[in-house]
Amino acid sequence: MTLLPFIVLIGAMFLMTRSAKRKQQQAAQMRNQMQPGSGIRTIGGMYATVKEVNDDTVLLDAGPGVELLFAKNAIATVLSDDEYNRIVHGVEHDLKSDADLVPDDASSLTETDEPAADASDDKPVDLGKKDAAEEPADAPAEAKTDAEPKKTDGDTEAK
């Protein structure tokens, strides 16, 4: 009875190592099937095209004039052509219309179909400042403050 937990533990370890080995073999097989022109994703998340495959290294084309040398083990996934084009170039085979594509510049993002509203329709924004229109036009603000005496707590008005 005391040996049963140990047997279960050894069996679980055997199954885990077996599945891990199977995943490693599948990854190695995928890396060995890479060919120049294949789209890939590295373990760091970079997308590139395979330019040259060697025994332990892969030369990648990451853009115009950018060639990078990676270890084969750094390749996470070899992508299908459709998936690579969808992710990197935003191209899908079954596009419904060209209107759904992202524009090359931002000019179409600022254009609106509605005519611009007149500036007179806009309400003024209250910035917390006293408006000059609220004060009487005949008395400037400085003269108004000098004409009224300042009251203190000791001053009282006679009725």
Protein backbone atom coordinates (compact mmCIF):
# COMPACT_ATOMS: atom_id res chain seq x y z
CA MET A 1 0.00 0.00 0.00
CA THR A 2 2.84 2.42 0.71
CA LEU A 3 4.40 1.79 -2.71
CA LEU A 4 1.24 2.78 -4.63
CA PRO A 5 1.85 6.59 -4.50
CA PHE A 6 5.43 6.10 -5.73
CA ILE A 7 4.26 3.93 -8.62
CA VAL A 8 1.66 6.54 -9.62
CA LEU A 9 4.28 9.31 -9.41
CA ILE A 10 6.75 7.38 -11.58
CA GLY A 11 4.00 6.62 -14.12
CA ALA A 12 3.00 10.30 -14.29
CA MET A 13 6.61 11.36 -14.80
CA PHE A 14 6.97 8.80 -17.58
CA LEU A 15 3.87 10.14 -19.37
CA MET A 16 5.01 13.77 -19.02
CA THR A 17 8.48 13.10 -20.37
CA ARG A 18 7.03 11.04 -23.21
CA SER A 19 4.69 13.87 -24.31
CA ALA A 20 7.50 16.43 -23.97
CA LYS A 21 9.77 14.29 -26.16
CA ARG A 22 7.00 13.94 -28.72
CA LYS A 23 6.57 17.73 -28.86
CA GLN A 24 10.32 18.21 -29.23
CA GLN A 25 10.43 15.70 -32.08
CA GLN A 26 7.54 17.44 -33.86
CA ALA A 27 9.27 20.82 -33.48
CA ALA A 28 12.56 19.42 -34.82
CA GLN A 29 10.74 17.84 -37.76
CA MET A 30 9.01 21.15 -38.52
CA ARG A 31 12.34 23.00 -38.42
CA ASN A 32 13.96 20.43 -40.70
CA GLN A 33 11.17 20.88 -43.26
CA MET A 34 11.83 24.64 -43.54
CA GLN A 35 12.71 25.74 -47.04
CA PRO A 36 13.81 29.08 -48.46
CA GLY A 37 10.73 31.25 -49.01
CA SER A 38 8.82 29.88 -46.01
CA GLY A 39 7.27 32.38 -43.62
CA ILE A 40 8.19 31.82 -39.98
CA ARG A 41 7.68 33.24 -36.48
CA THR A 42 10.57 33.19 -34.03
CA ILE A 43 10.21 32.41 -30.33
CA GLY A 44 10.62 36.17 -29.76
CA GLY A 45 7.59 36.90 -31.94
CA MET A 46 9.37 38.24 -35.04
CA TYR A 47 7.92 37.34 -38.44
CA ALA A 48 10.32 36.82 -41.34
CA THR A 49 10.94 34.83 -44.51
CA VAL A 50 13.52 32.06 -44.65
CA LYS A 51 16.32 32.93 -47.04
CA GLU A 52 18.78 30.10 -46.36
CA VAL A 53 18.75 26.96 -44.18
CA ASN A 54 21.95 25.47 -42.74
CA ASP A 55 22.55 22.62 -40.27
CA ASP A 56 22.11 24.65 -37.07
CA THR A 57 21.28 28.14 -38.34
CA VAL A 58 18.72 29.90 -40.51
CA LEU A 59 19.25 33.11 -42.47
CA LEU A 60 16.07 35.20 -42.33
CA ASP A 61 14.89 38.11 -44.46
CA ALA A 62 13.10 40.45 -42.04
CA GLY A 63 12.56 43.29 -44.51
CA PRO A 64 14.23 45.20 -47.32
CA GLY A 65 17.97 44.91 -46.71
CA VAL A 66 17.59 43.25 -43.30
CA GLU A 67 19.05 39.76 -43.05
CA LEU A 68 19.31 38.05 -39.67
CA LEU A 69 21.06 34.85 -38.65
CA PHE A 70 19.11 32.76 -36.12
CA ALA A 71 19.64 29.39 -34.49
CA LYS A 72 17.21 26.79 -35.81
CA ASN A 73 15.93 26.26 -32.26
CA ALA A 74 14.78 29.90 -32.20
CA ILE A 75 12.12 29.19 -34.84
CA ALA A 76 8.78 28.68 -33.11
CA THR A 77 6.51 28.06 -36.09
CA VAL A 78 6.66 27.62 -39.83
CA LEU A 79 3.59 29.38 -41.19
CA SER A 80 1.56 28.59 -44.28
CA ASP A 81 1.72 31.16 -47.08
CA ASP A 82 -1.87 32.29 -46.42
CA GLU A 83 -1.30 32.72 -42.70
CA TYR A 84 2.01 34.58 -43.19
CA ASN A 85 0.45 36.99 -45.71
CA ARG A 86 -2.55 37.56 -43.45
CA ILE A 87 -0.39 38.40 -40.43
CA VAL A 88 2.49 40.30 -42.03
CA HIS A 89 0.87 41.99 -45.03
CA GLY A 90 -2.77 42.07 -43.92
CA VAL A 91 -3.80 40.19 -47.06
CA GLU A 92 -6.64 37.69 -47.03
CA HIS A 93 -7.83 35.56 -49.91
CA ASP A 94 -11.53 36.11 -49.37
CA LEU A 95 -11.66 39.88 -49.08
CA LYS A 96 -15.22 41.14 -49.37
CA SER A 97 -14.31 44.59 -50.65
CA ASP A 98 -11.37 46.93 -50.98
CA ALA A 99 -13.12 49.45 -48.68
CA ASP A 100 -12.24 47.37 -45.61
CA LEU A 101 -8.48 47.68 -46.19
CA VAL A 102 -6.40 49.92 -43.97
CA PRO A 103 -5.24 53.01 -45.91
CA ASP A 104 -1.55 53.76 -46.46
CA ASP A 105 -1.94 57.27 -45.07
CA ALA A 106 -4.13 58.85 -42.42
CA SER A 107 -5.88 61.33 -44.75
CA SER A 108 -8.95 59.16 -45.14
CA LEU A 109 -9.28 58.83 -41.37
CA THR A 110 -9.79 62.58 -40.94
CA GLU A 111 -12.26 63.02 -43.80
CA THR A 112 -15.96 63.03 -42.93
CA ASP A 113 -19.04 62.66 -45.10
CA GLU A 114 -20.92 65.37 -43.16
CA PRO A 115 -20.45 69.07 -43.99
CA ALA A 116 -18.57 71.09 -41.43
CA ALA A 117 -20.81 72.93 -38.93
CA ASP A 118 -20.68 76.74 -38.74
CA ALA A 119 -18.53 78.16 -35.98
CA SER A 120 -21.45 80.37 -34.86
CA ASP A 121 -23.38 77.26 -33.77
CA ASP A 122 -20.72 76.33 -31.24
CA LYS A 123 -21.37 77.31 -27.63
CA PRO A 124 -18.54 79.09 -25.82
CA VAL A 125 -16.51 77.05 -23.42
CA ASP A 126 -16.50 78.31 -19.84
CA LEU A 127 -12.89 78.45 -18.72
CA GLY A 128 -13.74 79.93 -15.32
CA LYS A 129 -12.68 83.45 -16.31
CA LYS A 130 -14.93 86.45 -15.89
CA ASP A 131 -16.34 87.53 -19.20
CA ALA A 132 -15.92 91.21 -20.15
CA ALA A 133 -19.54 91.31 -21.34
CA GLU A 134 -20.82 90.77 -17.78
CA GLU A 135 -19.42 94.10 -16.51
CA PRO A 136 -21.09 97.41 -17.34
CA ALA A 137 -19.60 99.17 -20.30
CA ASP A 138 -19.59 102.66 -18.68
CA ALA A 139 -17.49 101.74 -15.60
CA PRO A 140 -14.13 100.05 -15.96
CA ALA A 141 -13.36 97.23 -13.55
CA GLU A 142 -10.61 99.14 -11.69
CA ALA A 143 -12.79 102.20 -10.99
CA LYS A 144 -15.58 99.99 -9.69
CA THR A 145 -13.38 98.40 -7.03
CA ASP A 146 -11.99 101.78 -5.86
CA ALA A 147 -15.48 103.34 -5.44
CA GLU A 148 -16.72 100.75 -2.98
CA PRO A 149 -15.13 100.87 0.50
CA LYS A 150 -13.87 97.64 1.89
CA LYS A 151 -15.71 96.33 4.94
CA THR A 152 -14.14 94.66 7.90
CA ASP A 153 -15.66 92.52 10.63
CA GLY A 154 -15.85 95.49 13.02
CA ASP A 155 -17.83 97.69 10.63
CA THR A 156 -21.62 97.64 10.97
CA GLU A 157 -24.25 99.33 8.93
CA ALA A 158 -26.68 101.75 10.54
CA LYS A 159 -30.30 101.11 9.76
